Amino acid sequence: MASSKEYLDFILEQLSELEEISYRAMMGEYIIYYRGKIIGGIYDDRFLVKPVKSAIAYMPNAKYELPYDGAKEMLLVDDVDNKEYLTGLFNSMYDELPAPKTKKKKY
C-alpha cells in the first residue's frame, strides 16, 4: 500500500515551524529531509524516523517497525498531532544524523 498525498501534506503541515523541510517521492512512499539530512519517511501512511540514540531517548516507548520488506527497522512516531513534539524530535535528532552523501561525478 502506498502512502497518500493527504497524509504527506498533514505531516508537512505539522512540521511547518521547522525550516528546510523537504521530501522526495520514492516508489509510492516519501523520504523526509531536515536541513538536507534524511530524518525518516512516510511508509504506508506511517511516519517513521531513523533510530538514532537521540530519537530513542526522545521516544523511549516507540515501536520499531519495518518501512518495507528488507529494510532496517525504524521508529514509529505516534504523536504526529503534536507540532511541538515533532519540532523537538527533529531538533534533537539533527546533529546525530549522517551528513548527506556526495554524489560522485561520472566522467
PDB file of N, CA and C in Angstrom:
ATOM      1  N   MET A   1       0.841  -1.185   0.000  1.00  0.00           N
ATOM      2  CA  MET A   1       0.000   0.000   0.000  1.00  0.00           C
ATOM      3  C   MET A   1       0.883   1.244   0.000  1.00  0.00           C
ATOM      4  N   ALA A   2       0.638   2.142  -0.891  1.00  0.00           N
ATOM      5  CA  ALA A   2       1.401   3.382  -0.947  1.00  0.00           C
ATOM      6  C   ALA A   2       0.813   4.400   0.030  1.00  0.00           C
ATOM      7  N   SER A   3       1.616   5.385   0.344  1.00  0.00           N
ATOM      8  CA  SER A   3       1.161   6.451   1.241  1.00  0.00           C
ATOM      9  C   SER A   3       0.359   7.480   0.465  1.00  0.00           C
ATOM     10  N   SER A   4      -0.570   8.113   1.153  1.00  0.00           N
ATOM     11  CA  SER A   4      -1.409   9.106   0.485  1.00  0.00           C
ATOM     12  C   SER A   4      -0.762  10.486   0.521  1.00  0.00           C
ATOM     13  N   LYS A   5      -1.036  11.263  -0.518  1.00  0.00           N
ATOM     14  CA  LYS A   5      -0.558  12.649  -0.567  1.00  0.00           C
ATOM     15  C   LYS A   5      -1.171  13.433   0.589  1.00  0.00           C
ATOM     16  N   GLU A   6      -2.383  13.097   0.992  1.00  0.00           N
ATOM     17  CA  GLU A   6      -3.050  13.794   2.099  1.00  0.00           C
ATOM     18  C   GLU A   6      -2.278  13.608   3.403  1.00  0.00           C
ATOM     19  N   TYR A   7      -1.780  12.382   3.648  1.00  0.00           N
ATOM     20  CA  TYR A   7      -1.013  12.147   4.880  1.00  0.00           C
ATOM     21  C   TYR A   7       0.311  12.904   4.819  1.00  0.00           C
ATOM     22  N   LEU A   8       0.968  12.903   3.658  1.00  0.00           N
ATOM     23  CA  LEU A   8       2.195  13.690   3.485  1.00  0.00           C
ATOM     24  C   LEU A   8       1.921  15.152   3.784  1.00  0.00           C
ATOM     25  N   ASP A   9       0.856  15.707   3.217  1.00  0.00           N
ATOM     26  CA  ASP A   9       0.521  17.115   3.441  1.00  0.00           C
ATOM     27  C   ASP A   9       0.270  17.393   4.923  1.00  0.00           C
ATOM     28  N   PHE A  10      -0.388  16.461   5.609  1.00  0.00           N
ATOM     29  CA  PHE A  10      -0.640  16.615   7.037  1.00  0.00           C
ATOM     30  C   PHE A  10       0.674  16.667   7.818  1.00  0.00           C
ATOM     31  N   ILE A  11       1.581  15.734   7.537  1.00  0.00           N
ATOM     32  CA  ILE A  11       2.875  15.709   8.243  1.00  0.00           C
ATOM     33  C   ILE A  11       3.673  16.971   7.934  1.00  0.00           C
ATOM     34  N   LEU A  12       3.690  17.398   6.673  1.00  0.00           N
ATOM     35  CA  LEU A  12       4.417  18.621   6.316  1.00  0.00           C
ATOM     36  C   LEU A  12       3.840  19.828   7.051  1.00  0.00           C
ATOM     37  N   GLU A  13       2.526  19.884   7.204  1.00  0.00           N
ATOM     38  CA  GLU A  13       1.901  20.970   7.968  1.00  0.00           C
ATOM     39  C   GLU A  13       2.340  20.906   9.432  1.00  0.00           C
ATOM     40  N   GLN A  14       2.410  19.711   9.990  1.00  0.00           N
ATOM     41  CA  GLN A  14       2.836  19.545  11.387  1.00  0.00           C
ATOM     42  C   GLN A  14       4.287  19.980  11.578  1.00  0.00           C
ATOM     43  N   LEU A  15       5.081  19.912  10.524  1.00  0.00           N
ATOM     44  CA  LEU A  15       6.499  20.284  10.580  1.00  0.00           C
ATOM     45  C   LEU A  15       6.741  21.709  10.094  1.00  0.00           C
ATOM     46  N   SER A  16       5.675  22.461   9.882  1.00  0.00           N
ATOM     47  CA  SER A  16       5.789  23.775   9.241  1.00  0.00           C
ATOM     48  C   SER A  16       6.574  24.802  10.053  1.00  0.00           C
ATOM     49  N   GLU A  17       6.781  24.567  11.343  1.00  0.00           N
ATOM     50  CA  GLU A  17       7.545  25.520  12.151  1.00  0.00           C
ATOM     51  C   GLU A  17       9.048  25.315  11.990  1.00  0.00           C
ATOM     52  N   LEU A  18       9.443  24.228  11.356  1.00  0.00           N
ATOM     53  CA  LEU A  18      10.856  23.952  11.100  1.00  0.00           C
ATOM     54  C   LEU A  18      11.228  24.483   9.722  1.00  0.00           C
ATOM     55  N   GLU A  19      12.462  24.955   9.593  1.00  0.00           N
ATOM     56  CA  GLU A  19      12.931  25.419   8.291  1.00  0.00           C
ATOM     57  C   GLU A  19      13.614  24.268   7.560  1.00  0.00           C
ATOM     58  N   GLU A  20      13.598  24.364   6.254  1.00  0.00           N
ATOM     59  CA  GLU A  20      14.302  23.414   5.395  1.00  0.00           C
ATOM     60  C   GLU A  20      13.791  21.983   5.521  1.00  0.00           C
ATOM     61  N   ILE A  21      12.485  21.833   5.545  1.00  0.00           N
ATOM     62  CA  ILE A  21      11.882  20.501   5.459  1.00  0.00           C
ATOM     63  C   ILE A  21      11.600  20.247   3.984  1.00  0.00           C
ATOM     64  N   SER A  22      12.021  19.109   3.503  1.00  0.00           N
ATOM     65  CA  SER A  22      11.731  18.758   2.113  1.00  0.00           C
ATOM     66  C   SER A  22      11.430  17.270   2.056  1.00  0.00           C
ATOM     67  N   TYR A  23      10.985  16.830   0.908  1.00  0.00           N
ATOM     68  CA  TYR A  23      10.673  15.416   0.746  1.00  0.00           C
ATOM     69  C   TYR A  23      10.932  15.000  -0.681  1.00  0.00           C
ATOM     70  N   ARG A  24      11.045  13.689  -0.867  1.00  0.00           N
ATOM     71  CA  ARG A  24      11.189  13.133  -2.199  1.00  0.00           C
ATOM     72  C   ARG A  24      10.291  11.904  -2.291  1.00  0.00           C
ATOM     73  N   ALA A  25       9.505  11.839  -3.329  1.00  0.00           N
ATOM     74  CA  ALA A  25       8.664  10.662  -3.556  1.00  0.00           C
ATOM     75  C   ALA A  25       9.563   9.518  -4.005  1.00  0.00           C
ATOM     76  N   MET A  26       9.312   8.330  -3.436  1.00  0.00           N
ATOM     77  CA  MET A  26      10.140   7.178  -3.757  1.00  0.00           C
ATOM     78  C   MET A  26       9.267   5.927  -3.729  1.00  0.00           C
ATOM     79  N   MET A  27       8.943   5.402  -4.885  1.00  0.00           N
ATOM     80  CA  MET A  27       8.167   4.158  -5.009  1.00  0.00           C
ATOM     81  C   MET A  27       6.866   4.202  -4.199  1.00  0.00           C
ATOM     82  N   GLY A  28       6.135   5.269  -4.294  1.00  0.00           N
ATOM     83  CA  GLY A  28       4.845   5.373  -3.619  1.00  0.00           C
ATOM     84  C   GLY A  28       4.935   5.810  -2.170  1.00  0.00           C
ATOM     85  N   GLU A  29       6.146   6.022  -1.685  1.00  0.00           N
ATOM     86  CA  GLU A  29       6.354   6.482  -0.310  1.00  0.00           C
ATOM     87  C   GLU A  29       7.093   7.813  -0.371  1.00  0.00           C
ATOM     88  N   TYR A  30       7.395   8.401   0.804  1.00  0.00           N
ATOM     89  CA  TYR A  30       8.035   9.711   0.838  1.00  0.00           C
ATOM     90  C   TYR A  30       9.196   9.717   1.825  1.00  0.00           C
ATOM     91  N   ILE A  31      10.361  10.150   1.356  1.00  0.00           N
ATOM     92  CA  ILE A  31      11.526  10.330   2.214  1.00  0.00           C
ATOM     93  C   ILE A  31      11.474  11.774   2.720  1.00  0.00           C
ATOM     94  N   ILE A  32      11.646  11.957   4.038  1.00  0.00           N
ATOM     95  CA  ILE A  32      11.587  13.294   4.633  1.00  0.00           C
ATOM     96  C   ILE A  32      13.007  13.751   4.975  1.00  0.00           C
ATOM     97  N   TYR A  33      13.333  14.970   4.565  1.00  0.00           N
ATOM     98  CA  TYR A  33      14.644  15.568   4.824  1.00  0.00           C
ATOM     99  C   TYR A  33      14.483  16.762   5.762  1.00  0.00           C
ATOM    100  N   TYR A  34      15.458  16.926   6.639  1.00  0.00           N
ATOM    101  CA  TYR A  34      15.508  18.104   7.512  1.00  0.00           C
ATOM    102  C   TYR A  34      16.882  18.724   7.340  1.00  0.00           C
ATOM    103  N   ARG A  35      16.909  19.937   6.812  1.00  0.00           N
ATOM    104  CA  ARG A  35      18.156  20.658   6.543  1.00  0.00           C
ATOM    105  C   ARG A  35      19.150  19.780   5.777  1.00  0.00           C
ATOM    106  N   GLY A  36      18.621  19.103   4.772  1.00  0.00           N
ATOM    107  CA  GLY A  36      19.457  18.324   3.863  1.00  0.00           C
ATOM    108  C   GLY A  36      19.758  16.902   4.301  1.00  0.00           C
ATOM    109  N   LYS A  37      19.394  16.538   5.531  1.00  0.00           N
ATOM    110  CA  LYS A  37      19.677  15.188   6.024  1.00  0.00           C
ATOM    111  C   LYS A  37      18.392  14.366   6.056  1.00  0.00           C
ATOM    112  N   ILE A  38      18.513  13.085   5.713  1.00  0.00           N
ATOM    113  CA  ILE A  38      17.349  12.199   5.777  1.00  0.00           C
ATOM    114  C   ILE A  38      17.042  11.924   7.245  1.00  0.00           C
ATOM    115  N   ILE A  39      15.829  12.233   7.649  1.00  0.00           N
ATOM    116  CA  ILE A  39      15.419  12.023   9.043  1.00  0.00           C
ATOM    117  C   ILE A  39      14.490  10.825   9.168  1.00  0.00           C
ATOM    118  N   GLY A  40      13.794  10.518   8.087  1.00  0.00           N
ATOM    119  CA  GLY A  40      12.859   9.394   8.110  1.00  0.00           C
ATOM    120  C   GLY A  40      12.007   9.412   6.864  1.00  0.00           C
ATOM    121  N   GLY A  41      10.776   8.948   7.022  1.00  0.00           N
ATOM    122  CA  GLY A  41       9.902   8.923   5.862  1.00  0.00           C
ATOM    123  C   GLY A  41       8.493   8.508   6.222  1.00  0.00           C
ATOM    124  N   ILE A  42       7.662   8.542   5.210  1.00  0.00           N
ATOM    125  CA  ILE A  42       6.271   8.124   5.349  1.00  0.00           C
ATOM    126  C   ILE A  42       6.115   6.844   4.534  1.00  0.00           C
ATOM    127  N   TYR A  43       5.735   5.785   5.234  1.00  0.00           N
ATOM    128  CA  TYR A  43       5.593   4.467   4.626  1.00  0.00           C
ATOM    129  C   TYR A  43       4.232   3.909   5.018  1.00  0.00           C
ATOM    130  N   ASP A  44       3.406   3.589   4.043  1.00  0.00           N
ATOM    131  CA  ASP A  44       2.058   3.072   4.316  1.00  0.00           C
ATOM    132  C   ASP A  44       1.307   3.967   5.297  1.00  0.00           C
ATOM    133  N   ASP A  45       1.399   5.261   5.076  1.00  0.00           N
ATOM    134  CA  ASP A  45       0.756   6.260   5.950  1.00  0.00           C
ATOM    135  C   ASP A  45       1.176   6.128   7.413  1.00  0.00           C
ATOM    136  N   ARG A  46       2.435   5.765   7.616  1.00  0.00           N
ATOM    137  CA  ARG A  46       3.047   5.773   8.949  1.00  0.00           C
ATOM    138  C   ARG A  46       4.268   6.665   8.874  1.00  0.00           C
ATOM    139  N   PHE A  47       4.488   7.487   9.892  1.00  0.00           N
ATOM    140  CA  PHE A  47       5.644   8.373   9.939  1.00  0.00           C
ATOM    141  C   PHE A  47       6.735   7.685  10.752  1.00  0.00           C
ATOM    142  N   LEU A  48       7.816   7.313  10.092  1.00  0.00           N
ATOM    143  CA  LEU A  48       8.915   6.597  10.727  1.00  0.00           C
ATOM    144  C   LEU A  48      10.185   7.436  10.655  1.00  0.00           C
ATOM    145  N   VAL A  49      10.990   7.374  11.722  1.00  0.00           N
ATOM    146  CA  VAL A  49      12.270   8.091  11.743  1.00  0.00           C
ATOM    147  C   VAL A  49      13.405   7.118  12.027  1.00  0.00           C
ATOM    148  N   LYS A  50      14.617   7.567  11.699  1.00  0.00           N
ATOM    149  CA  LYS A  50      15.800   6.733  11.930  1.00  0.00           C
ATOM    150  C   LYS A  50      15.977   6.513  13.434  1.00  0.00           C
ATOM    151  N   PRO A  51      16.366   5.308  13.828  1.00  0.00           N
ATOM    152  CA  PRO A  51      16.501   5.010  15.256  1.00  0.00           C
ATOM    153  C   PRO A  51      17.854   5.434  15.835  1.00  0.00           C
ATOM    154  N   VAL A  52      18.163   6.725  15.733  1.00  0.00           N
ATOM    155  CA  VAL A  52      19.395   7.231  16.334  1.00  0.00           C
ATOM    156  C   VAL A  52      19.171   7.373  17.842  1.00  0.00           C
ATOM    157  N   LYS A  53      20.262   7.441  18.606  1.00  0.00           N
ATOM    158  CA  LYS A  53      20.161   7.460  20.072  1.00  0.00           C
ATOM    159  C   LYS A  53      19.249   8.564  20.586  1.00  0.00           C
ATOM    160  N   SER A  54      19.351   9.740  19.996  1.00  0.00           N
ATOM    161  CA  SER A  54      18.536  10.869  20.473  1.00  0.00           C
ATOM    162  C   SER A  54      17.050  10.620  20.246  1.00  0.00           C
ATOM    163  N   ALA A  55      16.690   9.974  19.143  1.00  0.00           N
ATOM    164  CA  ALA A  55      15.282   9.666  18.872  1.00  0.00           C
ATOM    165  C   ALA A  55      14.775   8.611  19.848  1.00  0.00           C
ATOM    166  N   ILE A  56      15.617   7.617  20.149  1.00  0.00           N
ATOM    167  CA  ILE A  56      15.238   6.574  21.098  1.00  0.00           C
ATOM    168  C   ILE A  56      15.031   7.192  22.481  1.00  0.00           C
ATOM    169  N   ALA A  57      15.910   8.117  22.870  1.00  0.00           N
ATOM    170  CA  ALA A  57      15.781   8.781  24.168  1.00  0.00           C
ATOM    171  C   ALA A  57      14.535   9.666  24.199  1.00  0.00           C
ATOM    172  N   TYR A  58      14.232  10.318  23.083  1.00  0.00           N
ATOM    173  CA  TYR A  58      13.084  11.231  22.998  1.00  0.00           C
ATOM    174  C   TYR A  58      11.766  10.454  23.018  1.00  0.00           C
ATOM    175  N   MET A  59      11.774   9.278  22.425  1.00  0.00           N
ATOM    176  CA  MET A  59      10.564   8.445  22.336  1.00  0.00           C
ATOM    177  C   MET A  59      10.867   7.059  22.913  1.00  0.00           C
ATOM    178  N   PRO A  60      11.070   6.945  24.228  1.00  0.00           N
ATOM    179  CA  PRO A  60      11.503   5.669  24.808  1.00  0.00           C
ATOM    180  C   PRO A  60      10.522   4.512  24.609  1.00  0.00           C
ATOM    181  N   ASN A  61       9.258   4.805  24.364  1.00  0.00           N
ATOM    182  CA  ASN A  61       8.266   3.745  24.191  1.00  0.00           C
ATOM    183  C   ASN A  61       7.878   3.509  22.735  1.00  0.00           C
ATOM    184  N   ALA A  62       8.637   4.112  21.827  1.00  0.00           N
ATOM    185  CA  ALA A  62       8.300   3.984  20.401  1.00  0.00           C
ATOM    186  C   ALA A  62       8.480   2.541  19.940  1.00  0.00           C
ATOM    187  N   LYS A  63       7.612   2.135  19.032  1.00  0.00           N
ATOM    188  CA  LYS A  63       7.699   0.798  18.444  1.00  0.00           C
ATOM    189  C   LYS A  63       8.661   0.842  17.263  1.00  0.00           C
ATOM    190  N   TYR A  64       9.381  -0.256  17.088  1.00  0.00           N
ATOM    191  CA  TYR A  64      10.217  -0.422  15.897  1.00  0.00           C
ATOM    192  C   TYR A  64       9.364  -1.080  14.826  1.00  0.00           C
ATOM    193  N   GLU A  65       9.393  -0.513  13.643  1.00  0.00           N
ATOM    194  CA  GLU A  65       8.629  -1.081  12.534  1.00  0.00           C
ATOM    195  C   GLU A  65       9.476  -1.066  11.272  1.00  0.00           C
ATOM    196  N   LEU A  66       9.147  -1.975  10.383  1.00  0.00           N
ATOM    197  CA  LEU A  66       9.828  -2.029   9.091  1.00  0.00           C
ATOM    198  C   LEU A  66       9.102  -1.133   8.104  1.00  0.00           C
ATOM    199  N   PRO A  67       9.814  -0.218   7.454  1.00  0.00           N
ATOM    200  CA  PRO A  67       9.155   0.612   6.453  1.00  0.00           C
ATOM    201  C   PRO A  67       8.689  -0.220   5.252  1.00  0.00           C
ATOM    202  N   TYR A  68       9.477  -1.235   4.907  1.00  0.00           N
ATOM    203  CA  TYR A  68       9.139  -2.139   3.805  1.00  0.00           C
ATOM    204  C   TYR A  68      10.002  -3.385   3.974  1.00  0.00           C
ATOM    205  N   ASP A  69       9.637  -4.446   3.300  1.00  0.00           N
ATOM    206  CA  ASP A  69      10.380  -5.710   3.412  1.00  0.00           C
ATOM    207  C   ASP A  69      11.840  -5.518   3.040  1.00  0.00           C
ATOM    208  N   GLY A  70      12.708  -6.039   3.879  1.00  0.00           N
ATOM    209  CA  GLY A  70      14.144  -5.976   3.594  1.00  0.00           C
ATOM    210  C   GLY A  70      14.824  -4.724   4.122  1.00  0.00           C
ATOM    211  N   ALA A  71      14.069  -3.802   4.691  1.00  0.00           N
ATOM    212  CA  ALA A  71      14.653  -2.556   5.200  1.00  0.00           C
ATOM    213  C   ALA A  71      15.064  -2.721   6.660  1.00  0.00           C
ATOM    214  N   LYS A  72      15.853  -1.771   7.143  1.00  0.00           N
ATOM    215  CA  LYS A  72      16.195  -1.735   8.563  1.00  0.00           C
ATOM    216  C   LYS A  72      15.002  -1.167   9.332  1.00  0.00           C
ATOM    217  N   GLU A  73      14.871  -1.607  10.591  1.00  0.00           N
ATOM    218  CA  GLU A  73      13.781  -1.102  11.416  1.00  0.00           C
ATOM    219  C   GLU A  73      13.944   0.386  11.677  1.00  0.00           C
ATOM    220  N   MET A  74      12.806   1.057  11.788  1.00  0.00           N
ATOM    221  CA  MET A  74      12.773   2.477  12.111  1.00  0.00           C
ATOM    222  C   MET A  74      11.797   2.670  13.264  1.00  0.00           C
ATOM    223  N   LEU A  75      11.809   3.862  13.850  1.00  0.00           N
ATOM    224  CA  LEU A  75      10.916   4.159  14.966  1.00  0.00           C
ATOM    225  C   LEU A  75       9.616   4.767  14.463  1.00  0.00           C
ATOM    226  N   LEU A  76       8.507   4.255  14.960  1.00  0.00           N
ATOM    227  CA  LEU A  76       7.198   4.798  14.616  1.00  0.00           C
ATOM    228  C   LEU A  76       6.929   6.030  15.465  1.00  0.00           C
ATOM    229  N   VAL A  77       6.621   7.151  14.817  1.00  0.00           N
ATOM    230  CA  VAL A  77       6.244   8.371  15.529  1.00  0.00           C
ATOM    231  C   VAL A  77       4.731   8.342  15.667  1.00  0.00           C
ATOM    232  N   ASP A  78       4.247   8.159  16.892  1.00  0.00           N
ATOM    233  CA  ASP A  78       2.801   8.044  17.045  1.00  0.00           C
ATOM    234  C   ASP A  78       2.128   9.349  17.466  1.00  0.00           C
ATOM    235  N   ASP A  79       2.901  10.325  17.942  1.00  0.00           N
ATOM    236  CA  ASP A  79       2.307  11.590  18.385  1.00  0.00           C
ATOM    237  C   ASP A  79       2.417  12.637  17.283  1.00  0.00           C
ATOM    238  N   VAL A  80       1.873  12.321  16.101  1.00  0.00           N
ATOM    239  CA  VAL A  80       2.011  13.222  14.952  1.00  0.00           C
ATOM    240  C   VAL A  80       1.083  14.436  15.040  1.00  0.00           C
ATOM    241  N   ASP A  81       0.159  14.432  15.986  1.00  0.00           N
ATOM    242  CA  ASP A  81      -0.754  15.574  16.131  1.00  0.00           C
ATOM    243  C   ASP A  81      -0.133  16.717  16.921  1.00  0.00           C
ATOM    244  N   ASN A  82       1.025  16.505  17.505  1.00  0.00           N
ATOM    245  CA  ASN A  82       1.646  17.484  18.394  1.00  0.00           C
ATOM    246  C   ASN A  82       2.833  18.147  17.690  1.00  0.00           C
ATOM    247  N   LYS A  83       2.627  19.388  17.211  1.00  0.00           N
ATOM    248  CA  LYS A  83       3.682  20.103  16.477  1.00  0.00           C
ATOM    249  C   LYS A  83       4.932  20.308  17.320  1.00  0.00           C
ATOM    250  N   GLU A  84       4.757  20.708  18.586  1.00  0.00           N
ATOM    251  CA  GLU A  84       5.913  20.960  19.454  1.00  0.00           C
ATOM    252  C   GLU A  84       6.736  19.689  19.646  1.00  0.00           C
ATOM    253  N   TYR A  85       6.052  18.577  19.812  1.00  0.00           N
ATOM    254  CA  TYR A  85       6.715  17.286  19.988  1.00  0.00           C
ATOM    255  C   TYR A  85       7.565  16.953  18.758  1.00  0.00           C
ATOM    256  N   LEU A  86       6.985  17.112  17.581  1.00  0.00           N
ATOM    257  CA  LEU A  86       7.712  16.810  16.342  1.00  0.00           C
ATOM    258  C   LEU A  86       8.895  17.749  16.147  1.00  0.00           C
ATOM    259  N   THR A  87       8.695  19.030  16.450  1.00  0.00           N
ATOM    260  CA  THR A  87       9.786  20.005  16.325  1.00  0.00           C
ATOM    261  C   THR A  87      10.931  19.614  17.258  1.00  0.00           C
ATOM    262  N   GLY A  88      10.598  19.258  18.497  1.00  0.00           N
ATOM    263  CA  GLY A  88      11.622  18.838  19.448  1.00  0.00           C
ATOM    264  C   GLY A  88      12.344  17.578  19.003  1.00  0.00           C
ATOM    265  N   LEU A  89      11.583  16.630  18.471  1.00  0.00           N
ATOM    266  CA  LEU A  89      12.177  15.385  17.981  1.00  0.00           C
ATOM    267  C   LEU A  89      13.176  15.671  16.871  1.00  0.00           C
ATOM    268  N   PHE A  90      12.780  16.445  15.877  1.00  0.00           N
ATOM    269  CA  PHE A  90      13.664  16.738  14.747  1.00  0.00           C
ATOM    270  C   PHE A  90      14.912  17.477  15.212  1.00  0.00           C
ATOM    271  N   ASN A  91      14.740  18.466  16.083  1.00  0.00           N
ATOM    272  CA  ASN A  91      15.892  19.227  16.562  1.00  0.00           C
ATOM    273  C   ASN A  91      16.836  18.363  17.392  1.00  0.00           C
ATOM    274  N   SER A  92      16.297  17.425  18.163  1.00  0.00           N
ATOM    275  CA  SER A  92      17.159  16.552  18.967  1.00  0.00           C
ATOM    276  C   SER A  92      17.947  15.588  18.077  1.00  0.00           C
ATOM    277  N   MET A  93      17.362  15.190  16.972  1.00  0.00           N
ATOM    278  CA  MET A  93      17.990  14.199  16.091  1.00  0.00           C
ATOM    279  C   MET A  93      19.022  14.792  15.144  1.00  0.00           C
ATOM    280  N   TYR A  94      18.898  16.042  14.779  1.00  0.00           N
ATOM    281  CA  TYR A  94      19.639  16.601  13.651  1.00  0.00           C
ATOM    282  C   TYR A  94      21.150  16.353  13.727  1.00  0.00           C
ATOM    283  N   ASP A  95      21.774  16.683  14.866  1.00  0.00           N
ATOM    284  CA  ASP A  95      23.235  16.580  14.954  1.00  0.00           C
ATOM    285  C   ASP A  95      23.732  15.139  14.839  1.00  0.00           C
ATOM    286  N   GLU A  96      22.873  14.192  15.156  1.00  0.00           N
ATOM    287  CA  GLU A  96      23.273  12.792  15.141  1.00  0.00           C
ATOM    288  C   GLU A  96      23.095  12.136  13.766  1.00  0.00           C
ATOM    289  N   LEU A  97      22.357  12.774  12.902  1.00  0.00           N
ATOM    290  CA  LEU A  97      22.109  12.199  11.577  1.00  0.00           C
ATOM    291  C   LEU A  97      23.348  12.318  10.704  1.00  0.00           C
ATOM    292  N   PRO A  98      23.587  11.314   9.874  1.00  0.00           N
ATOM    293  CA  PRO A  98      24.759  11.394   8.989  1.00  0.00           C
ATOM    294  C   PRO A  98      24.595  12.503   7.944  1.00  0.00           C
ATOM    295  N   ALA A  99      25.714  13.087   7.582  1.00  0.00           N
ATOM    296  CA  ALA A  99      25.693  14.116   6.537  1.00  0.00           C
ATOM    297  C   ALA A  99      25.289  13.465   5.218  1.00  0.00           C
ATOM    298  N   PRO A 100      24.656  14.229   4.341  1.00  0.00           N
ATOM    299  CA  PRO A 100      24.265  13.656   3.047  1.00  0.00           C
ATOM    300  C   PRO A 100      25.504  13.186   2.283  1.00  0.00           C
ATOM    301  N   LYS A 101      25.353  12.092   1.569  1.00  0.00           N
ATOM    302  CA  LYS A 101      26.443  11.575   0.759  1.00  0.00           C
ATOM    303  C   LYS A 101      26.578  12.434  -0.483  1.00  0.00           C
ATOM    304  N   THR A 102      27.812  12.717  -0.817  1.00  0.00           N
ATOM    305  CA  THR A 102      28.031  13.491  -2.047  1.00  0.00           C
ATOM    306  C   THR A 102      28.075  12.514  -3.213  1.00  0.00           C
ATOM    307  N   LYS A 103      27.432  12.918  -4.272  1.00  0.00           N
ATOM    308  CA  LYS A 103      27.398  12.059  -5.459  1.00  0.00           C
ATOM    309  C   LYS A 103      28.676  12.252  -6.243  1.00  0.00           C
ATOM    310  N   LYS A 104      29.256  11.138  -6.616  1.00  0.00           N
ATOM    311  CA  LYS A 104      30.493  11.207  -7.406  1.00  0.00           C
ATOM    312  C   LYS A 104      30.139  11.507  -8.850  1.00  0.00           C
ATOM    313  N   LYS A 105      30.925  12.379  -9.421  1.00  0.00           N
ATOM    314  CA  LYS A 105      30.687  12.723 -10.814  1.00  0.00           C
ATOM    315  C   LYS A 105      31.219  11.605 -11.707  1.00  0.00           C
ATOM    316  N   LYS A 106      30.427  11.298 -12.734  1.00  0.00           N
ATOM    317  CA  LYS A 106      30.852  10.301 -13.700  1.00  0.00           C
ATOM    318  C   LYS A 106      31.532  11.009 -14.852  1.00  0.00           C
ATOM    319  N   TYR A 107      32.630  10.463 -15.281  1.00  0.00           N
ATOM    320  CA  TYR A 107      33.353  11.063 -16.401  1.00  0.00           C
ATOM    321  C   TYR A 107      33.210  10.225 -17.637  1.00  0.00           C
TER     322      TYR A 107
END
